[in-house]
PDB file of N, CA and C in Angstrom:
ATOM      1  N   MET A   1      -6.583 -46.808  20.986  1.00  0.00           N
ATOM      2  CA  MET A   1      -7.106 -45.778  20.520  1.00  0.00           C
ATOM      3  C   MET A   1      -6.137 -44.383  20.216  1.00  0.00           C
ATOM      4  N   ALA A   2      -6.547 -43.624  19.249  1.00  0.00           N
ATOM      5  CA  ALA A   2      -5.365 -42.527  18.850  1.00  0.00           C
ATOM      6  C   ALA A   2      -5.597 -41.268  19.994  1.00  0.00           C
ATOM      7  N   LYS A   3      -4.692 -40.783  20.530  1.00  0.00           N
ATOM      8  CA  LYS A   3      -5.316 -39.542  20.871  1.00  0.00           C
ATOM      9  C   LYS A   3      -5.373 -38.359  19.953  1.00  0.00           C
ATOM     10  N   LYS A   4      -6.805 -37.957  20.704  1.00  0.00           N
ATOM     11  CA  LYS A   4      -6.852 -36.224  19.517  1.00  0.00           C
ATOM     12  C   LYS A   4      -6.147 -35.498  19.871  1.00  0.00           C
ATOM     13  N   THR A   5      -5.506 -34.588  18.990  1.00  0.00           N
ATOM     14  CA  THR A   5      -5.146 -33.533  19.061  1.00  0.00           C
ATOM     15  C   THR A   5      -6.128 -32.208  18.556  1.00  0.00           C
ATOM     16  N   LYS A   6      -5.766 -31.173  19.335  1.00  0.00           N
ATOM     17  CA  LYS A   6      -6.320 -29.967  18.995  1.00  0.00           C
ATOM     18  C   LYS A   6      -5.812 -28.832  18.027  1.00  0.00           C
ATOM     19  N   GLU A   7      -5.843 -28.681  17.305  1.00  0.00           N
ATOM     20  CA  GLU A   7      -5.069 -28.344  16.070  1.00  0.00           C
ATOM     21  C   GLU A   7      -5.874 -26.945  15.707  1.00  0.00           C
ATOM     22  N   CYS A   8      -5.098 -25.619  15.742  1.00  0.00           N
ATOM     23  CA  CYS A   8      -6.094 -24.261  15.069  1.00  0.00           C
ATOM     24  C   CYS A   8      -6.059 -24.169  13.345  1.00  0.00           C
ATOM     25  N   GLY A   9      -7.147 -23.609  12.873  1.00  0.00           N
ATOM     26  CA  GLY A   9      -6.912 -23.528  11.780  1.00  0.00           C
ATOM     27  C   GLY A   9      -7.358 -21.936  11.329  1.00  0.00           C
ATOM     28  N   ALA A  10      -7.209 -21.328  10.182  1.00  0.00           N
ATOM     29  CA  ALA A  10      -7.258 -20.093  10.269  1.00  0.00           C
ATOM     30  C   ALA A  10      -7.188 -19.668   8.486  1.00  0.00           C
ATOM     31  N   GLU A  11      -7.630 -18.811   7.890  1.00  0.00           N
ATOM     32  CA  GLU A  11      -7.816 -18.734   6.796  1.00  0.00           C
ATOM     33  C   GLU A  11      -7.234 -17.158   6.783  1.00  0.00           C
ATOM     34  N   ILE A  12      -6.392 -17.397   5.704  1.00  0.00           N
ATOM     35  CA  ILE A  12      -5.067 -16.338   5.107  1.00  0.00           C
ATOM     36  C   ILE A  12      -5.682 -16.016   4.268  1.00  0.00           C
ATOM     37  N   ASP A  13      -6.185 -14.382   3.638  1.00  0.00           N
ATOM     38  CA  ASP A  13      -6.317 -14.007   2.381  1.00  0.00           C
ATOM     39  C   ASP A  13      -4.960 -14.072   0.851  1.00  0.00           C
ATOM     40  N   LEU A  14      -3.865 -14.004   2.107  1.00  0.00           N
ATOM     41  CA  LEU A  14      -2.392 -14.163   0.913  1.00  0.00           C
ATOM     42  C   LEU A  14      -1.292 -14.152   1.701  1.00  0.00           C
ATOM     43  N   VAL A  15      -0.538 -14.997   1.241  1.00  0.00           N
ATOM     44  CA  VAL A  15       0.860 -14.988   2.205  1.00  0.00           C
ATOM     45  C   VAL A  15       1.837 -14.346   1.159  1.00  0.00           C
ATOM     46  N   ILE A  16       2.624 -13.799   1.994  1.00  0.00           N
ATOM     47  CA  ILE A  16       3.845 -13.314   0.559  1.00  0.00           C
ATOM     48  C   ILE A  16       5.086 -13.796   1.546  1.00  0.00           C
ATOM     49  N   ASP A  17       5.598 -15.117   1.081  1.00  0.00           N
ATOM     50  CA  ASP A  17       7.186 -15.439   1.074  1.00  0.00           C
ATOM     51  C   ASP A  17       7.862 -14.771   0.779  1.00  0.00           C
ATOM     52  N   ARG A  18       8.823 -13.868   1.299  1.00  0.00           N
ATOM     53  CA  ARG A  18       9.688 -13.093   0.433  1.00  0.00           C
ATOM     54  C   ARG A  18      11.082 -13.763   0.791  1.00  0.00           C
ATOM     55  N   ALA A  19      12.256 -13.214   0.121  1.00  0.00           N
ATOM     56  CA  ALA A  19      13.362 -13.869  -0.316  1.00  0.00           C
ATOM     57  C   ALA A  19      14.034 -13.455   1.168  1.00  0.00           C
ATOM     58  N   ASP A  20      13.824 -12.496   1.432  1.00  0.00           N
ATOM     59  CA  ASP A  20      14.600 -11.800   3.021  1.00  0.00           C
ATOM     60  C   ASP A  20      14.141 -12.529   4.631  1.00  0.00           C
ATOM     61  N   HIS A  21      13.595 -13.815   4.455  1.00  0.00           N
ATOM     62  CA  HIS A  21      13.478 -14.601   5.374  1.00  0.00           C
ATOM     63  C   HIS A  21      12.091 -14.008   6.362  1.00  0.00           C
ATOM     64  N   CYS A  22      11.413 -13.167   5.507  1.00  0.00           N
ATOM     65  CA  CYS A  22      10.109 -12.476   6.077  1.00  0.00           C
ATOM     66  C   CYS A  22       8.693 -13.248   5.407  1.00  0.00           C
ATOM     67  N   ILE A  23       8.287 -13.149   5.794  1.00  0.00           N
ATOM     68  CA  ILE A  23       6.598 -13.636   5.803  1.00  0.00           C
ATOM     69  C   ILE A  23       5.350 -12.581   6.194  1.00  0.00           C
ATOM     70  N   ASN A  24       5.037 -11.920   4.729  1.00  0.00           N
ATOM     71  CA  ASN A  24       3.649 -11.125   5.132  1.00  0.00           C
ATOM     72  C   ASN A  24       2.233 -11.747   5.484  1.00  0.00           C
ATOM     73  N   LEU A  25       1.640 -11.663   6.205  1.00  0.00           N
ATOM     74  CA  LEU A  25       0.230 -12.394   6.285  1.00  0.00           C
ATOM     75  C   LEU A  25      -0.810 -11.385   5.581  1.00  0.00           C
ATOM     76  N   CYS A  26      -1.184 -11.535   4.729  1.00  0.00           N
ATOM     77  CA  CYS A  26      -2.291 -10.703   4.345  1.00  0.00           C
ATOM     78  C   CYS A  26      -3.882 -10.528   4.453  1.00  0.00           C
ATOM     79  N   GLU A  27      -4.417  -9.580   5.365  1.00  0.00           N
ATOM     80  CA  GLU A  27      -5.545  -9.723   5.620  1.00  0.00           C
ATOM     81  C   GLU A  27      -6.550  -8.518   4.649  1.00  0.00           C
ATOM     82  N   ILE A  28      -7.481  -9.280   3.880  1.00  0.00           N
ATOM     83  CA  ILE A  28      -7.734  -8.157   2.563  1.00  0.00           C
ATOM     84  C   ILE A  28      -8.984  -7.551   3.393  1.00  0.00           C
ATOM     85  N   LYS A  29      -9.508  -6.333   3.657  1.00  0.00           N
ATOM     86  CA  LYS A  29     -10.807  -5.994   3.308  1.00  0.00           C
ATOM     87  C   LYS A  29     -11.185  -4.981   2.846  1.00  0.00           C
ATOM     88  N   PHE A  30     -12.415  -4.896   2.312  1.00  0.00           N
ATOM     89  CA  PHE A  30     -13.002  -4.191   1.458  1.00  0.00           C
ATOM     90  C   PHE A  30     -14.322  -3.558   2.354  1.00  0.00           C
ATOM     91  N   TYR A  31     -14.165  -2.227   2.397  1.00  0.00           N
ATOM     92  CA  TYR A  31     -15.005  -1.228   3.254  1.00  0.00           C
ATOM     93  C   TYR A  31     -15.423  -0.084   2.474  1.00  0.00           C
ATOM     94  N   GLU A  32     -16.381   0.592   2.477  1.00  0.00           N
ATOM     95  CA  GLU A  32     -16.516   1.711   1.548  1.00  0.00           C
ATOM     96  C   GLU A  32     -16.378   3.059   2.541  1.00  0.00           C
ATOM     97  N   GLY A  33     -15.645   2.729   3.725  1.00  0.00           N
ATOM     98  CA  GLY A  33     -15.084   4.228   4.483  1.00  0.00           C
ATOM     99  C   GLY A  33     -13.860   2.991   5.235  1.00  0.00           C
ATOM    100  N   GLU A  34     -13.951   4.119   6.568  1.00  0.00           N
ATOM    101  CA  GLU A  34     -12.427   3.625   7.298  1.00  0.00           C
ATOM    102  C   GLU A  34     -12.967   2.085   8.083  1.00  0.00           C
ATOM    103  N   PHE A  35     -11.934   1.422   8.010  1.00  0.00           N
ATOM    104  CA  PHE A  35     -12.042   0.328   8.763  1.00  0.00           C
ATOM    105  C   PHE A  35     -11.846   0.191  10.061  1.00  0.00           C
ATOM    106  N   CYS A  36     -12.086  -0.371  11.324  1.00  0.00           N
ATOM    107  CA  CYS A  36     -12.049  -0.654  12.484  1.00  0.00           C
ATOM    108  C   CYS A  36     -11.423  -1.492  13.336  1.00  0.00           C
ATOM    109  N   ILE A  37     -10.870  -1.808  13.880  1.00  0.00           N
ATOM    110  CA  ILE A  37     -10.344  -3.515  14.408  1.00  0.00           C
ATOM    111  C   ILE A  37     -11.319  -3.092  15.478  1.00  0.00           C
ATOM    112  N   ASP A  38     -11.734  -3.974  16.156  1.00  0.00           N
ATOM    113  CA  ASP A  38     -12.149  -3.991  17.840  1.00  0.00           C
ATOM    114  C   ASP A  38     -11.407  -5.156  18.559  1.00  0.00           C
ATOM    115  N   GLN A  39     -11.944  -5.236  19.765  1.00  0.00           N
ATOM    116  CA  GLN A  39     -10.975  -6.522  20.703  1.00  0.00           C
ATOM    117  C   GLN A  39     -11.223  -7.431  19.826  1.00  0.00           C
ATOM    118  N   ALA A  40     -12.580  -8.110  19.512  1.00  0.00           N
ATOM    119  CA  ALA A  40     -13.133  -9.667  18.984  1.00  0.00           C
ATOM    120  C   ALA A  40     -12.075  -9.495  17.695  1.00  0.00           C
ATOM    121  N   TYR A  41     -11.959  -8.612  16.775  1.00  0.00           N
ATOM    122  CA  TYR A  41     -11.167  -8.711  15.542  1.00  0.00           C
ATOM    123  C   TYR A  41      -9.729  -8.919  15.776  1.00  0.00           C
ATOM    124  N   ALA A  42      -9.483  -8.318  16.561  1.00  0.00           N
ATOM    125  CA  ALA A  42      -7.882  -8.148  17.175  1.00  0.00           C
ATOM    126  C   ALA A  42      -7.655  -9.587  17.508  1.00  0.00           C
ATOM    127  N   LYS A  43      -8.523 -10.126  18.145  1.00  0.00           N
ATOM    128  CA  LYS A  43      -8.037 -11.991  18.946  1.00  0.00           C
ATOM    129  C   LYS A  43      -8.168 -12.574  17.576  1.00  0.00           C
ATOM    130  N   THR A  44      -8.875 -12.702  16.855  1.00  0.00           N
ATOM    131  CA  THR A  44      -9.455 -12.957  15.655  1.00  0.00           C
ATOM    132  C   THR A  44      -7.627 -13.150  14.587  1.00  0.00           C
ATOM    133  N   LEU A  45      -7.307 -11.942  14.993  1.00  0.00           N
ATOM    134  CA  LEU A  45      -5.895 -11.781  13.752  1.00  0.00           C
ATOM    135  C   LEU A  45      -4.769 -12.296  14.620  1.00  0.00           C
ATOM    136  N   GLN A  46      -4.679 -12.181  15.689  1.00  0.00           N
ATOM    137  CA  GLN A  46      -3.802 -12.808  16.447  1.00  0.00           C
ATOM    138  C   GLN A  46      -3.429 -14.322  16.560  1.00  0.00           C
ATOM    139  N   THR A  47      -4.725 -14.577  16.753  1.00  0.00           N
ATOM    140  CA  THR A  47      -5.267 -16.316  16.607  1.00  0.00           C
ATOM    141  C   THR A  47      -4.643 -16.721  14.833  1.00  0.00           C
ATOM    142  N   LYS A  48      -4.944 -16.089  14.001  1.00  0.00           N
ATOM    143  CA  LYS A  48      -4.486 -16.397  12.946  1.00  0.00           C
ATOM    144  C   LYS A  48      -2.854 -16.781  12.392  1.00  0.00           C
ATOM    145  N   LYS A  49      -2.074 -15.280  13.251  1.00  0.00           N
ATOM    146  CA  LYS A  49      -0.774 -15.206  13.087  1.00  0.00           C
ATOM    147  C   LYS A  49      -0.216 -16.721  13.727  1.00  0.00           C
ATOM    148  N   SER A  50      -0.762 -16.634  14.415  1.00  0.00           N
ATOM    149  CA  SER A  50       0.134 -17.871  15.805  1.00  0.00           C
ATOM    150  C   SER A  50      -0.163 -19.428  14.983  1.00  0.00           C
ATOM    151  N   CYS A  51      -1.771 -19.420  14.781  1.00  0.00           N
ATOM    152  CA  CYS A  51      -2.147 -20.419  13.784  1.00  0.00           C
ATOM    153  C   CYS A  51      -1.062 -21.150  12.768  1.00  0.00           C
ATOM    154  N   PHE A  52      -0.719 -19.573  11.855  1.00  0.00           N
ATOM    155  CA  PHE A  52       0.093 -20.227  10.919  1.00  0.00           C
ATOM    156  C   PHE A  52       1.575 -20.634  11.601  1.00  0.00           C
ATOM    157  N   GLU A  53       2.247 -19.467  12.573  1.00  0.00           N
ATOM    158  CA  GLU A  53       3.567 -19.695  12.894  1.00  0.00           C
ATOM    159  C   GLU A  53       3.801 -21.330  13.579  1.00  0.00           C
ATOM    160  N   ASN A  54       2.494 -21.911  14.284  1.00  0.00           N
ATOM    161  CA  ASN A  54       2.669 -23.159  15.199  1.00  0.00           C
ATOM    162  C   ASN A  54       2.373 -24.549  13.775  1.00  0.00           C
ATOM    163  N   LEU A  55       1.514 -23.928  12.933  1.00  0.00           N
ATOM    164  CA  LEU A  55       1.479 -24.838  11.773  1.00  0.00           C
ATOM    165  C   LEU A  55       2.729 -25.124  10.668  1.00  0.00           C
ATOM    166  N   THR A  56       2.856 -24.147  10.838  1.00  0.00           N
ATOM    167  CA  THR A  56       3.775 -24.150   9.444  1.00  0.00           C
ATOM    168  C   THR A  56       5.451 -24.301   9.885  1.00  0.00           C
ATOM    169  N   LYS A  57       5.622 -23.965  11.368  1.00  0.00           N
ATOM    170  CA  LYS A  57       6.870 -24.398  11.803  1.00  0.00           C
ATOM    171  C   LYS A  57       7.871 -23.693  11.447  1.00  0.00           C
ATOM    172  N   THR A  58       7.552 -22.428  10.742  1.00  0.00           N
ATOM    173  CA  THR A  58       8.507 -21.284  10.151  1.00  0.00           C
ATOM    174  C   THR A  58       9.353 -20.593  11.173  1.00  0.00           C
ATOM    175  N   LYS A  59      10.505 -20.511  10.624  1.00  0.00           N
ATOM    176  CA  LYS A  59      11.579 -19.367  11.248  1.00  0.00           C
ATOM    177  C   LYS A  59      11.775 -18.137  10.756  1.00  0.00           C
ATOM    178  N   LYS A  60      11.193 -18.151  10.057  1.00  0.00           N
ATOM    179  CA  LYS A  60      10.800 -16.397   9.344  1.00  0.00           C
ATOM    180  C   LYS A  60       9.900 -15.839   9.988  1.00  0.00           C
ATOM    181  N   SER A  61      10.514 -14.251  10.007  1.00  0.00           N
ATOM    182  CA  SER A  61       9.860 -13.315  10.472  1.00  0.00           C
ATOM    183  C   SER A  61       8.646 -13.130  10.240  1.00  0.00           C
ATOM    184  N   THR A  62       7.419 -13.305  10.942  1.00  0.00           N
ATOM    185  CA  THR A  62       6.041 -13.034  10.114  1.00  0.00           C
ATOM    186  C   THR A  62       5.319 -11.541  10.623  1.00  0.00           C
ATOM    187  N   PHE A  63       4.948 -10.802   9.533  1.00  0.00           N
ATOM    188  CA  PHE A  63       4.554  -9.370   9.501  1.00  0.00           C
ATOM    189  C   PHE A  63       2.773  -9.717   9.497  1.00  0.00           C
ATOM    190  N   LEU A  64       1.752  -9.053  10.015  1.00  0.00           N
ATOM    191  CA  LEU A  64       0.468  -9.110   9.708  1.00  0.00           C
ATOM    192  C   LEU A  64       0.456  -7.602   9.272  1.00  0.00           C
ATOM    193  N   THR A  65      -0.138  -7.662   7.877  1.00  0.00           N
ATOM    194  CA  THR A  65      -0.416  -6.484   6.421  1.00  0.00           C
ATOM    195  C   THR A  65      -1.778  -6.878   6.273  1.00  0.00           C
ATOM    196  N   LEU A  66      -2.388  -5.373   6.483  1.00  0.00           N
ATOM    197  CA  LEU A  66      -3.889  -5.299   6.585  1.00  0.00           C
ATOM    198  C   LEU A  66      -3.648  -4.479   4.700  1.00  0.00           C
ATOM    199  N   ILE A  67      -4.444  -4.776   4.028  1.00  0.00           N
ATOM    200  CA  ILE A  67      -4.859  -4.681   3.160  1.00  0.00           C
ATOM    201  C   ILE A  67      -6.343  -4.030   3.050  1.00  0.00           C
ATOM    202  N   THR A  68      -6.494  -2.427   2.526  1.00  0.00           N
ATOM    203  CA  THR A  68      -7.501  -2.080   3.123  1.00  0.00           C
ATOM    204  C   THR A  68      -8.176  -0.938   1.592  1.00  0.00           C
ATOM    205  N   THR A  69      -9.885  -0.958   1.698  1.00  0.00           N
ATOM    206  CA  THR A  69      -9.770   0.308   0.383  1.00  0.00           C
ATOM    207  C   THR A  69      -9.174   1.833   0.950  1.00  0.00           C
ATOM    208  N   TYR A  70      -9.810   2.127   2.403  1.00  0.00           N
ATOM    209  CA  TYR A  70     -10.042   3.645   2.806  1.00  0.00           C
ATOM    210  C   TYR A  70      -9.157   3.381   4.027  1.00  0.00           C
ATOM    211  N   GLY A  71      -8.474   2.909   4.211  1.00  0.00           N
ATOM    212  CA  GLY A  71      -7.714   2.987   5.235  1.00  0.00           C
ATOM    213  C   GLY A  71      -8.471   2.177   6.816  1.00  0.00           C
ATOM    214  N   THR A  72      -7.476   1.959   8.033  1.00  0.00           N
ATOM    215  CA  THR A  72      -8.036   1.599   8.976  1.00  0.00           C
ATOM    216  C   THR A  72      -7.812   2.756  10.396  1.00  0.00           C
ATOM    217  N   LYS A  73      -8.724   2.666  11.078  1.00  0.00           N
ATOM    218  CA  LYS A  73      -8.527   3.628  12.211  1.00  0.00           C
ATOM    219  C   LYS A  73      -7.577   3.223  13.408  1.00  0.00           C
ATOM    220  N   ARG A  74      -6.938   4.328  13.659  1.00  0.00           N
ATOM    221  CA  ARG A  74      -5.595   4.090  14.540  1.00  0.00           C
ATOM    222  C   ARG A  74      -6.089   3.759  15.949  1.00  0.00           C
ATOM    223  N   ASN A  75      -6.372   2.805  16.332  1.00  0.00           N
ATOM    224  CA  ASN A  75      -6.655   2.584  18.110  1.00  0.00           C
ATOM    225  C   ASN A  75      -5.840   1.518  18.767  1.00  0.00           C
ATOM    226  N   ASN A  76      -5.979   1.332  19.907  1.00  0.00           N
ATOM    227  CA  ASN A  76      -5.141   0.522  20.300  1.00  0.00           C
ATOM    228  C   ASN A  76      -5.016  -0.969  19.531  1.00  0.00           C
ATOM    229  N   HIS A  77      -6.346  -1.651  19.381  1.00  0.00           N
ATOM    230  CA  HIS A  77      -6.183  -2.666  18.707  1.00  0.00           C
ATOM    231  C   HIS A  77      -5.586  -2.456  17.313  1.00  0.00           C
ATOM    232  N   PHE A  78      -5.540  -1.698  16.909  1.00  0.00           N
ATOM    233  CA  PHE A  78      -4.673  -1.682  15.654  1.00  0.00           C
ATOM    234  C   PHE A  78      -3.202  -1.830  15.380  1.00  0.00           C
ATOM    235  N   HIS A  79      -2.678  -1.557  16.689  1.00  0.00           N
ATOM    236  CA  HIS A  79      -1.436  -1.115  16.760  1.00  0.00           C
ATOM    237  C   HIS A  79      -0.912  -2.188  17.689  1.00  0.00           C
ATOM    238  N   SER A  80      -1.845  -2.985  18.487  1.00  0.00           N
ATOM    239  CA  SER A  80      -1.538  -4.198  19.034  1.00  0.00           C
ATOM    240  C   SER A  80      -1.446  -5.557  18.147  1.00  0.00           C
ATOM    241  N   VAL A  81      -1.604  -5.499  16.855  1.00  0.00           N
ATOM    242  CA  VAL A  81      -1.537  -6.421  15.901  1.00  0.00           C
ATOM    243  C   VAL A  81      -1.134  -6.180  14.286  1.00  0.00           C
ATOM    244  N   VAL A  82      -1.449  -5.422  13.907  1.00  0.00           N
ATOM    245  CA  VAL A  82      -1.082  -4.799  12.634  1.00  0.00           C
ATOM    246  C   VAL A  82       0.358  -4.393  12.732  1.00  0.00           C
ATOM    247  N   ASP A  83       1.232  -4.862  11.808  1.00  0.00           N
ATOM    248  CA  ASP A  83       2.621  -4.191  11.657  1.00  0.00           C
ATOM    249  C   ASP A  83       2.602  -3.378  10.178  1.00  0.00           C
ATOM    250  N   GLN A  84       1.586  -3.546   9.174  1.00  0.00           N
ATOM    251  CA  GLN A  84       2.194  -2.964   7.832  1.00  0.00           C
ATOM    252  C   GLN A  84       0.155  -2.779   7.494  1.00  0.00           C
ATOM    253  N   GLU A  85       0.109  -1.817   7.061  1.00  0.00           N
ATOM    254  CA  GLU A  85      -0.890  -1.594   6.262  1.00  0.00           C
ATOM    255  C   GLU A  85      -0.718  -0.880   4.521  1.00  0.00           C
ATOM    256  N   ILE A  86      -1.822  -1.418   4.043  1.00  0.00           N
ATOM    257  CA  ILE A  86      -1.650  -0.930   2.281  1.00  0.00           C
ATOM    258  C   ILE A  86      -3.035  -0.456   2.016  1.00  0.00           C
ATOM    259  N   GLN A  87      -3.106   0.760   1.611  1.00  0.00           N
ATOM    260  CA  GLN A  87      -4.275   1.231   0.794  1.00  0.00           C
ATOM    261  C   GLN A  87      -4.614   1.128  -0.280  1.00  0.00           C
ATOM    262  N   MET A  88      -5.852   0.905  -0.592  1.00  0.00           N
ATOM    263  CA  MET A  88      -6.012   0.475  -2.438  1.00  0.00           C
ATOM    264  C   MET A  88      -5.354   1.211  -3.115  1.00  0.00           C
ATOM    265  N   ASP A  89      -5.222   2.748  -2.935  1.00  0.00           N
ATOM    266  CA  ASP A  89      -4.607   4.012  -3.749  1.00  0.00           C
ATOM    267  C   ASP A  89      -3.088   3.467  -4.304  1.00  0.00           C
ATOM    268  N   ALA A  90      -2.418   2.566  -3.191  1.00  0.00           N
ATOM    269  CA  ALA A  90      -1.101   2.365  -3.449  1.00  0.00           C
ATOM    270  C   ALA A  90      -1.103   1.081  -4.612  1.00  0.00           C
ATOM    271  N   LEU A  91      -2.183   0.735  -4.908  1.00  0.00           N
ATOM    272  CA  LEU A  91      -2.013  -0.623  -5.882  1.00  0.00           C
ATOM    273  C   LEU A  91      -2.436  -0.122  -6.974  1.00  0.00           C
ATOM    274  N   PHE A  92      -2.794   0.667  -7.454  1.00  0.00           N
ATOM    275  CA  PHE A  92      -3.101   0.969  -8.599  1.00  0.00           C
ATOM    276  C   PHE A  92      -2.433   2.689  -9.118  1.00  0.00           C
ATOM    277  N   LEU A  93      -2.525   2.620 -10.297  1.00  0.00           N
ATOM    278  CA  LEU A  93      -1.841   3.932 -10.542  1.00  0.00           C
ATOM    279  C   LEU A  93      -2.419   5.356 -10.975  1.00  0.00           C
ATOM    280  N   LYS A  94      -2.547   6.143 -10.750  1.00  0.00           N
ATOM    281  CA  LYS A  94      -3.360   7.213 -11.296  1.00  0.00           C
ATOM    282  C   LYS A  94      -2.897   8.035 -12.521  1.00  0.00           C
TER     283      LYS A  94
END
């Protein structure tokens, strides 16, 4: 009988594998206002990052990058999981 293993899985919106041995795991959120990370969502983001690192066995540094329309509220949950944030206006020429 085969031994059952418990593997995690996660949906990652965008992965940027950089030449400098870093990886940006991008979470993309479209909201009509400021986005807010609560405790449950912070745990979800931590799980996504852990699953990626465990399943890929990467030796590269991984950074969680949040791409939002109008920014994210700065609270303890934001600071505990998000490494970088990019807002919509940075992606388009004015």
